[in-house]
Amino acid sequence: MALTRITATGTATIPPEIIDWLHLKPGDQINIAISPDGKVYLEPAPKAAQIDVRTLSGCLYDPDRKTVSLAEMEQAIVEGAVESM
């Protein structure tokens, strides 16, 4: 167990052994949660996926897909909205 103090401004320093255990680096975010039994849990926040947008080029292209007009798209939206009511 690691010990730390709360400052007058509500700040607490995470002890180095906890930082190492969680593999945290400066700038990382953490999640803090309270369980129903009152225990507090701290974990690294999930990191956003780093996607190179160039890898997405052409991912929706299908040469066999029928093209549709804007009017056809609007009609499909209206029909879908009516069905969901």
PDB file of N, CA and C in Angstrom:
ATOM      1  N   MET A   1       0.849  -1.174   0.000  1.00  0.00           N
ATOM      2  CA  MET A   1       0.000   0.000   0.000  1.00  0.00           C
ATOM      3  C   MET A   1       0.895   1.238   0.000  1.00  0.00           C
ATOM      4  N   ALA A   2       0.496   2.253  -0.742  1.00  0.00           N
ATOM      5  CA  ALA A   2       1.274   3.483  -0.840  1.00  0.00           C
ATOM      6  C   ALA A   2       0.535   4.600  -0.108  1.00  0.00           C
ATOM      7  N   LEU A   3       1.280   5.474   0.516  1.00  0.00           N
ATOM      8  CA  LEU A   3       0.704   6.567   1.281  1.00  0.00           C
ATOM      9  C   LEU A   3       0.981   7.892   0.577  1.00  0.00           C
ATOM     10  N   THR A   4      -0.022   8.763   0.555  1.00  0.00           N
ATOM     11  CA  THR A   4       0.136  10.095  -0.009  1.00  0.00           C
ATOM     12  C   THR A   4      -0.718  11.055   0.807  1.00  0.00           C
ATOM     13  N   ARG A   5      -0.527  12.338   0.614  1.00  0.00           N
ATOM     14  CA  ARG A   5      -1.297  13.347   1.347  1.00  0.00           C
ATOM     15  C   ARG A   5      -2.115  14.182   0.366  1.00  0.00           C
ATOM     16  N   ILE A   6      -3.219  14.701   0.851  1.00  0.00           N
ATOM     17  CA  ILE A   6      -4.059  15.617   0.086  1.00  0.00           C
ATOM     18  C   ILE A   6      -3.646  17.038   0.469  1.00  0.00           C
ATOM     19  N   THR A   7      -3.408  17.871  -0.530  1.00  0.00           N
ATOM     20  CA  THR A   7      -3.038  19.264  -0.261  1.00  0.00           C
ATOM     21  C   THR A   7      -4.292  20.088   0.027  1.00  0.00           C
ATOM     22  N   ALA A   8      -4.096  21.324   0.395  1.00  0.00           N
ATOM     23  CA  ALA A   8      -5.217  22.232   0.681  1.00  0.00           C
ATOM     24  C   ALA A   8      -6.081  22.456  -0.558  1.00  0.00           C
ATOM     25  N   THR A   9      -5.490  22.290  -1.727  1.00  0.00           N
ATOM     26  CA  THR A   9      -6.261  22.481  -2.971  1.00  0.00           C
ATOM     27  C   THR A   9      -6.896  21.182  -3.469  1.00  0.00           C
ATOM     28  N   GLY A  10      -6.744  20.093  -2.709  1.00  0.00           N
ATOM     29  CA  GLY A  10      -7.360  18.828  -3.097  1.00  0.00           C
ATOM     30  C   GLY A  10      -6.513  17.975  -4.012  1.00  0.00           C
ATOM     31  N   THR A  11      -5.255  18.336  -4.160  1.00  0.00           N
ATOM     32  CA  THR A  11      -4.354  17.595  -5.026  1.00  0.00           C
ATOM     33  C   THR A  11      -3.666  16.480  -4.256  1.00  0.00           C
ATOM     34  N   ALA A  12      -3.529  15.324  -4.910  1.00  0.00           N
ATOM     35  CA  ALA A  12      -2.780  14.218  -4.315  1.00  0.00           C
ATOM     36  C   ALA A  12      -1.719  13.783  -5.310  1.00  0.00           C
ATOM     37  N   THR A  13      -0.542  13.474  -4.830  1.00  0.00           N
ATOM     38  CA  THR A  13       0.530  12.974  -5.681  1.00  0.00           C
ATOM     39  C   THR A  13       0.449  11.453  -5.703  1.00  0.00           C
ATOM     40  N   ILE A  14       0.460  10.894  -6.891  1.00  0.00           N
ATOM     41  CA  ILE A  14       0.457   9.436  -7.011  1.00  0.00           C
ATOM     42  C   ILE A  14       1.880   8.950  -6.760  1.00  0.00           C
ATOM     43  N   PRO A  15       2.057   8.069  -5.817  1.00  0.00           N
ATOM     44  CA  PRO A  15       3.402   7.585  -5.504  1.00  0.00           C
ATOM     45  C   PRO A  15       4.060   6.909  -6.716  1.00  0.00           C
ATOM     46  N   PRO A  16       5.390   7.033  -6.812  1.00  0.00           N
ATOM     47  CA  PRO A  16       6.115   6.492  -7.971  1.00  0.00           C
ATOM     48  C   PRO A  16       5.867   5.002  -8.215  1.00  0.00           C
ATOM     49  N   GLU A  17       5.737   4.218  -7.148  1.00  0.00           N
ATOM     50  CA  GLU A  17       5.527   2.782  -7.359  1.00  0.00           C
ATOM     51  C   GLU A  17       4.172   2.490  -8.024  1.00  0.00           C
ATOM     52  N   ILE A  18       3.177   3.344  -7.767  1.00  0.00           N
ATOM     53  CA  ILE A  18       1.867   3.179  -8.421  1.00  0.00           C
ATOM     54  C   ILE A  18       1.965   3.624  -9.875  1.00  0.00           C
ATOM     55  N   ILE A  19       2.658   4.727 -10.121  1.00  0.00           N
ATOM     56  CA  ILE A  19       2.870   5.203 -11.492  1.00  0.00           C
ATOM     57  C   ILE A  19       3.575   4.129 -12.311  1.00  0.00           C
ATOM     58  N   ASP A  20       4.603   3.526 -11.739  1.00  0.00           N
ATOM     59  CA  ASP A  20       5.323   2.460 -12.440  1.00  0.00           C
ATOM     60  C   ASP A  20       4.427   1.246 -12.679  1.00  0.00           C
ATOM     61  N   TRP A  21       3.677   0.837 -11.645  1.00  0.00           N
ATOM     62  CA  TRP A  21       2.814  -0.341 -11.745  1.00  0.00           C
ATOM     63  C   TRP A  21       1.771  -0.170 -12.858  1.00  0.00           C
ATOM     64  N   LEU A  22       1.225   1.044 -12.978  1.00  0.00           N
ATOM     65  CA  LEU A  22       0.204   1.317 -13.995  1.00  0.00           C
ATOM     66  C   LEU A  22       0.790   1.735 -15.340  1.00  0.00           C
ATOM     67  N   HIS A  23       2.129   1.822 -15.418  1.00  0.00           N
ATOM     68  CA  HIS A  23       2.815   2.241 -16.654  1.00  0.00           C
ATOM     69  C   HIS A  23       2.321   3.607 -17.131  1.00  0.00           C
ATOM     70  N   LEU A  24       2.157   4.533 -16.185  1.00  0.00           N
ATOM     71  CA  LEU A  24       1.691   5.878 -16.526  1.00  0.00           C
ATOM     72  C   LEU A  24       2.869   6.753 -16.933  1.00  0.00           C
ATOM     73  N   LYS A  25       2.564   7.687 -17.830  1.00  0.00           N
ATOM     74  CA  LYS A  25       3.555   8.668 -18.274  1.00  0.00           C
ATOM     75  C   LYS A  25       2.940  10.057 -18.131  1.00  0.00           C
ATOM     76  N   PRO A  26       3.763  11.100 -18.077  1.00  0.00           N
ATOM     77  CA  PRO A  26       3.211  12.455 -17.995  1.00  0.00           C
ATOM     78  C   PRO A  26       2.204  12.698 -19.118  1.00  0.00           C
ATOM     79  N   GLY A  27       1.068  13.267 -18.769  1.00  0.00           N
ATOM     80  CA  GLY A  27       0.017  13.549 -19.743  1.00  0.00           C
ATOM     81  C   GLY A  27      -1.034  12.462 -19.840  1.00  0.00           C
ATOM     82  N   ASP A  28      -0.758  11.254 -19.300  1.00  0.00           N
ATOM     83  CA  ASP A  28      -1.756  10.186 -19.324  1.00  0.00           C
ATOM     84  C   ASP A  28      -2.949  10.584 -18.464  1.00  0.00           C
ATOM     85  N   GLN A  29      -4.109  10.072 -18.825  1.00  0.00           N
ATOM     86  CA  GLN A  29      -5.313  10.291 -18.030  1.00  0.00           C
ATOM     87  C   GLN A  29      -5.608   9.026 -17.234  1.00  0.00           C
ATOM     88  N   ILE A  30      -6.288   9.212 -16.105  1.00  0.00           N
ATOM     89  CA  ILE A  30      -6.672   8.070 -15.276  1.00  0.00           C
ATOM     90  C   ILE A  30      -8.162   8.138 -14.972  1.00  0.00           C
ATOM     91  N   ASN A  31      -8.766   6.980 -14.789  1.00  0.00           N
ATOM     92  CA  ASN A  31     -10.149   6.884 -14.329  1.00  0.00           C
ATOM     93  C   ASN A  31     -10.116   6.564 -12.844  1.00  0.00           C
ATOM     94  N   ILE A  32     -10.983   7.228 -12.088  1.00  0.00           N
ATOM     95  CA  ILE A  32     -11.137   6.940 -10.667  1.00  0.00           C
ATOM     96  C   ILE A  32     -12.609   6.614 -10.446  1.00  0.00           C
ATOM     97  N   ALA A  33     -12.872   5.471  -9.832  1.00  0.00           N
ATOM     98  CA  ALA A  33     -14.252   5.041  -9.616  1.00  0.00           C
ATOM     99  C   ALA A  33     -14.435   4.605  -8.172  1.00  0.00           C
ATOM    100  N   ILE A  34     -15.660   4.781  -7.680  1.00  0.00           N
ATOM    101  CA  ILE A  34     -16.014   4.326  -6.339  1.00  0.00           C
ATOM    102  C   ILE A  34     -16.987   3.172  -6.498  1.00  0.00           C
ATOM    103  N   SER A  35     -16.656   2.033  -5.902  1.00  0.00           N
ATOM    104  CA  SER A  35     -17.528   0.864  -5.989  1.00  0.00           C
ATOM    105  C   SER A  35     -18.645   0.981  -4.955  1.00  0.00           C
ATOM    106  N   PRO A  36     -19.705   0.199  -5.115  1.00  0.00           N
ATOM    107  CA  PRO A  36     -20.814   0.267  -4.151  1.00  0.00           C
ATOM    108  C   PRO A  36     -20.391   0.004  -2.703  1.00  0.00           C
ATOM    109  N   ASP A  37     -19.307  -0.765  -2.516  1.00  0.00           N
ATOM    110  CA  ASP A  37     -18.864  -1.036  -1.139  1.00  0.00           C
ATOM    111  C   ASP A  37     -17.938   0.058  -0.598  1.00  0.00           C
ATOM    112  N   GLY A  38     -17.747   1.143  -1.379  1.00  0.00           N
ATOM    113  CA  GLY A  38     -16.975   2.286  -0.913  1.00  0.00           C
ATOM    114  C   GLY A  38     -15.501   2.267  -1.264  1.00  0.00           C
ATOM    115  N   LYS A  39     -15.026   1.219  -1.910  1.00  0.00           N
ATOM    116  CA  LYS A  39     -13.618   1.179  -2.315  1.00  0.00           C
ATOM    117  C   LYS A  39     -13.413   2.086  -3.517  1.00  0.00           C
ATOM    118  N   VAL A  40     -12.238   2.687  -3.585  1.00  0.00           N
ATOM    119  CA  VAL A  40     -11.892   3.582  -4.691  1.00  0.00           C
ATOM    120  C   VAL A  40     -10.891   2.868  -5.584  1.00  0.00           C
ATOM    121  N   TYR A  41     -11.153   2.906  -6.879  1.00  0.00           N
ATOM    122  CA  TYR A  41     -10.281   2.256  -7.854  1.00  0.00           C
ATOM    123  C   TYR A  41      -9.709   3.288  -8.814  1.00  0.00           C
ATOM    124  N   LEU A  42      -8.444   3.113  -9.138  1.00  0.00           N
ATOM    125  CA  LEU A  42      -7.745   3.999 -10.054  1.00  0.00           C
ATOM    126  C   LEU A  42      -7.164   3.124 -11.164  1.00  0.00           C
ATOM    127  N   GLU A  43      -7.390   3.521 -12.416  1.00  0.00           N
ATOM    128  CA  GLU A  43      -6.848   2.759 -13.542  1.00  0.00           C
ATOM    129  C   GLU A  43      -6.512   3.710 -14.680  1.00  0.00           C
ATOM    130  N   PRO A  44      -5.583   3.323 -15.544  1.00  0.00           N
ATOM    131  CA  PRO A  44      -5.292   4.165 -16.709  1.00  0.00           C
ATOM    132  C   PRO A  44      -6.537   4.277 -17.593  1.00  0.00           C
ATOM    133  N   ALA A  45      -6.803   5.468 -18.088  1.00  0.00           N
ATOM    134  CA  ALA A  45      -7.925   5.645 -19.012  1.00  0.00           C
ATOM    135  C   ALA A  45      -7.541   5.038 -20.353  1.00  0.00           C
ATOM    136  N   PRO A  46      -8.516   4.437 -21.036  1.00  0.00           N
ATOM    137  CA  PRO A  46      -8.200   3.897 -22.364  1.00  0.00           C
ATOM    138  C   PRO A  46      -7.701   5.007 -23.277  1.00  0.00           C
ATOM    139  N   LYS A  47      -6.726   4.684 -24.068  1.00  0.00           N
ATOM    140  CA  LYS A  47      -6.177   5.669 -25.000  1.00  0.00           C
ATOM    141  C   LYS A  47      -6.936   5.584 -26.320  1.00  0.00           C
ATOM    142  N   ALA A  48      -7.129   6.749 -26.927  1.00  0.00           N
ATOM    143  CA  ALA A  48      -7.803   6.791 -28.221  1.00  0.00           C
ATOM    144  C   ALA A  48      -6.934   6.085 -29.257  1.00  0.00           C
ATOM    145  N   ALA A  49      -7.598   5.362 -30.119  1.00  0.00           N
ATOM    146  CA  ALA A  49      -6.867   4.657 -31.174  1.00  0.00           C
ATOM    147  C   ALA A  49      -6.223   5.672 -32.114  1.00  0.00           C
ATOM    148  N   GLN A  50      -5.012   5.399 -32.472  1.00  0.00           N
ATOM    149  CA  GLN A  50      -4.297   6.256 -33.412  1.00  0.00           C
ATOM    150  C   GLN A  50      -4.461   5.640 -34.798  1.00  0.00           C
ATOM    151  N   ILE A  51      -5.303   6.242 -35.619  1.00  0.00           N
ATOM    152  CA  ILE A  51      -5.571   5.720 -36.948  1.00  0.00           C
ATOM    153  C   ILE A  51      -5.042   6.698 -37.984  1.00  0.00           C
ATOM    154  N   ASP A  52      -4.272   6.180 -38.896  1.00  0.00           N
ATOM    155  CA  ASP A  52      -3.809   6.985 -40.019  1.00  0.00           C
ATOM    156  C   ASP A  52      -4.948   7.018 -41.032  1.00  0.00           C
ATOM    157  N   VAL A  53      -5.545   8.196 -41.238  1.00  0.00           N
ATOM    158  CA  VAL A  53      -6.714   8.286 -42.107  1.00  0.00           C
ATOM    159  C   VAL A  53      -6.431   7.806 -43.523  1.00  0.00           C
ATOM    160  N   ARG A  54      -5.177   7.805 -43.915  1.00  0.00           N
ATOM    161  CA  ARG A  54      -4.853   7.325 -45.265  1.00  0.00           C
ATOM    162  C   ARG A  54      -5.185   5.846 -45.424  1.00  0.00           C
ATOM    163  N   THR A  55      -5.220   5.093 -44.312  1.00  0.00           N
ATOM    164  CA  THR A  55      -5.562   3.668 -44.403  1.00  0.00           C
ATOM    165  C   THR A  55      -7.046   3.461 -44.667  1.00  0.00           C
ATOM    166  N   LEU A  56      -7.854   4.506 -44.492  1.00  0.00           N
ATOM    167  CA  LEU A  56      -9.294   4.387 -44.714  1.00  0.00           C
ATOM    168  C   LEU A  56      -9.693   4.628 -46.167  1.00  0.00           C
ATOM    169  N   SER A  57      -8.770   5.118 -46.957  1.00  0.00           N
ATOM    170  CA  SER A  57      -9.067   5.441 -48.350  1.00  0.00           C
ATOM    171  C   SER A  57      -9.617   4.227 -49.090  1.00  0.00           C
ATOM    172  N   GLY A  58     -10.811   4.407 -49.650  1.00  0.00           N
ATOM    173  CA  GLY A  58     -11.415   3.348 -50.447  1.00  0.00           C
ATOM    174  C   GLY A  58     -12.119   2.262 -49.659  1.00  0.00           C
ATOM    175  N   CYS A  59     -12.180   2.372 -48.331  1.00  0.00           N
ATOM    176  CA  CYS A  59     -12.751   1.283 -47.534  1.00  0.00           C
ATOM    177  C   CYS A  59     -14.248   1.110 -47.772  1.00  0.00           C
ATOM    178  N   LEU A  60     -14.941   2.132 -48.248  1.00  0.00           N
ATOM    179  CA  LEU A  60     -16.364   2.013 -48.527  1.00  0.00           C
ATOM    180  C   LEU A  60     -16.657   1.784 -50.008  1.00  0.00           C
ATOM    181  N   TYR A  61     -15.644   1.785 -50.819  1.00  0.00           N
ATOM    182  CA  TYR A  61     -15.847   1.644 -52.257  1.00  0.00           C
ATOM    183  C   TYR A  61     -16.261   0.218 -52.601  1.00  0.00           C
ATOM    184  N   ASP A  62     -17.328   0.103 -53.375  1.00  0.00           N
ATOM    185  CA  ASP A  62     -17.791  -1.191 -53.875  1.00  0.00           C
ATOM    186  C   ASP A  62     -18.189  -0.978 -55.331  1.00  0.00           C
ATOM    187  N   PRO A  63     -17.414  -1.518 -56.278  1.00  0.00           N
ATOM    188  CA  PRO A  63     -17.710  -1.267 -57.688  1.00  0.00           C
ATOM    189  C   PRO A  63     -19.066  -1.814 -58.128  1.00  0.00           C
ATOM    190  N   ASP A  64     -19.632  -2.759 -57.378  1.00  0.00           N
ATOM    191  CA  ASP A  64     -20.929  -3.336 -57.745  1.00  0.00           C
ATOM    192  C   ASP A  64     -22.108  -2.613 -57.102  1.00  0.00           C
ATOM    193  N   ARG A  65     -21.828  -1.617 -56.253  1.00  0.00           N
ATOM    194  CA  ARG A  65     -22.904  -0.899 -55.591  1.00  0.00           C
ATOM    195  C   ARG A  65     -23.581   0.051 -56.570  1.00  0.00           C
ATOM    196  N   LYS A  66     -24.911   0.026 -56.574  1.00  0.00           N
ATOM    197  CA  LYS A  66     -25.694   0.918 -57.438  1.00  0.00           C
ATOM    198  C   LYS A  66     -25.631   2.330 -56.869  1.00  0.00           C
ATOM    199  N   THR A  67     -25.360   3.296 -57.711  1.00  0.00           N
ATOM    200  CA  THR A  67     -25.373   4.683 -57.253  1.00  0.00           C
ATOM    201  C   THR A  67     -26.819   5.146 -57.112  1.00  0.00           C
ATOM    202  N   VAL A  68     -27.040   6.054 -56.165  1.00  0.00           N
ATOM    203  CA  VAL A  68     -28.389   6.585 -55.955  1.00  0.00           C
ATOM    204  C   VAL A  68     -28.324   8.103 -55.957  1.00  0.00           C
ATOM    205  N   SER A  69     -29.434   8.702 -56.323  1.00  0.00           N
ATOM    206  CA  SER A  69     -29.505  10.162 -56.366  1.00  0.00           C
ATOM    207  C   SER A  69     -29.814  10.699 -54.969  1.00  0.00           C
ATOM    208  N   LEU A  70     -29.649  12.006 -54.809  1.00  0.00           N
ATOM    209  CA  LEU A  70     -29.997  12.633 -53.530  1.00  0.00           C
ATOM    210  C   LEU A  70     -31.477  12.458 -53.227  1.00  0.00           C
ATOM    211  N   ALA A  71     -32.313  12.537 -54.248  1.00  0.00           N
ATOM    212  CA  ALA A  71     -33.755  12.354 -54.047  1.00  0.00           C
ATOM    213  C   ALA A  71     -34.052  10.950 -53.534  1.00  0.00           C
ATOM    214  N   GLU A  72     -33.352   9.948 -54.057  1.00  0.00           N
ATOM    215  CA  GLU A  72     -33.546   8.571 -53.585  1.00  0.00           C
ATOM    216  C   GLU A  72     -33.070   8.419 -52.142  1.00  0.00           C
ATOM    217  N   MET A  73     -31.974   9.082 -51.803  1.00  0.00           N
ATOM    218  CA  MET A  73     -31.486   9.036 -50.423  1.00  0.00           C
ATOM    219  C   MET A  73     -32.495   9.675 -49.474  1.00  0.00           C
ATOM    220  N   GLU A  74     -33.016  10.835 -49.852  1.00  0.00           N
ATOM    221  CA  GLU A  74     -33.996  11.519 -49.018  1.00  0.00           C
ATOM    222  C   GLU A  74     -35.244  10.677 -48.840  1.00  0.00           C
ATOM    223  N   GLN A  75     -35.687  10.011 -49.909  1.00  0.00           N
ATOM    224  CA  GLN A  75     -36.867   9.151 -49.818  1.00  0.00           C
ATOM    225  C   GLN A  75     -36.605   7.983 -48.858  1.00  0.00           C
ATOM    226  N   ALA A  76     -35.438   7.400 -48.918  1.00  0.00           N
ATOM    227  CA  ALA A  76     -35.090   6.301 -48.019  1.00  0.00           C
ATOM    228  C   ALA A  76     -35.071   6.774 -46.566  1.00  0.00           C
ATOM    229  N   ILE A  77     -34.605   7.985 -46.328  1.00  0.00           N
ATOM    230  CA  ILE A  77     -34.585   8.536 -44.975  1.00  0.00           C
ATOM    231  C   ILE A  77     -36.004   8.718 -44.468  1.00  0.00           C
ATOM    232  N   VAL A  78     -36.865   9.261 -45.295  1.00  0.00           N
ATOM    233  CA  VAL A  78     -38.272   9.461 -44.910  1.00  0.00           C
ATOM    234  C   VAL A  78     -38.928   8.109 -44.605  1.00  0.00           C
ATOM    235  N   GLU A  79     -38.703   7.130 -45.452  1.00  0.00           N
ATOM    236  CA  GLU A  79     -39.305   5.813 -45.239  1.00  0.00           C
ATOM    237  C   GLU A  79     -38.773   5.179 -43.953  1.00  0.00           C
ATOM    238  N   GLY A  80     -37.504   5.331 -43.694  1.00  0.00           N
ATOM    239  CA  GLY A  80     -36.932   4.778 -42.473  1.00  0.00           C
ATOM    240  C   GLY A  80     -37.477   5.460 -41.234  1.00  0.00           C
ATOM    241  N   ALA A  81     -37.688   6.778 -41.321  1.00  0.00           N
ATOM    242  CA  ALA A  81     -38.221   7.528 -40.188  1.00  0.00           C
ATOM    243  C   ALA A  81     -39.671   7.118 -39.906  1.00  0.00           C
ATOM    244  N   VAL A  82     -40.452   6.900 -40.955  1.00  0.00           N
ATOM    245  CA  VAL A  82     -41.845   6.488 -40.785  1.00  0.00           C
ATOM    246  C   VAL A  82     -41.901   5.102 -40.157  1.00  0.00           C
ATOM    247  N   GLU A  83     -41.032   4.193 -40.592  1.00  0.00           N
ATOM    248  CA  GLU A  83     -41.023   2.834 -40.047  1.00  0.00           C
ATOM    249  C   GLU A  83     -40.635   2.805 -38.568  1.00  0.00           C
ATOM    250  N   SER A  84     -39.822   3.743 -38.127  1.00  0.00           N
ATOM    251  CA  SER A  84     -39.372   3.740 -36.740  1.00  0.00           C
ATOM    252  C   SER A  84     -40.383   4.352 -35.783  1.00  0.00           C
ATOM    253  N   MET A  85     -41.453   4.924 -36.301  1.00  0.00           N
ATOM    254  CA  MET A  85     -42.445   5.569 -35.426  1.00  0.00           C
ATOM    255  C   MET A  85     -43.446   4.562 -34.932  1.00  0.00           C
TER     256      MET A  85
END
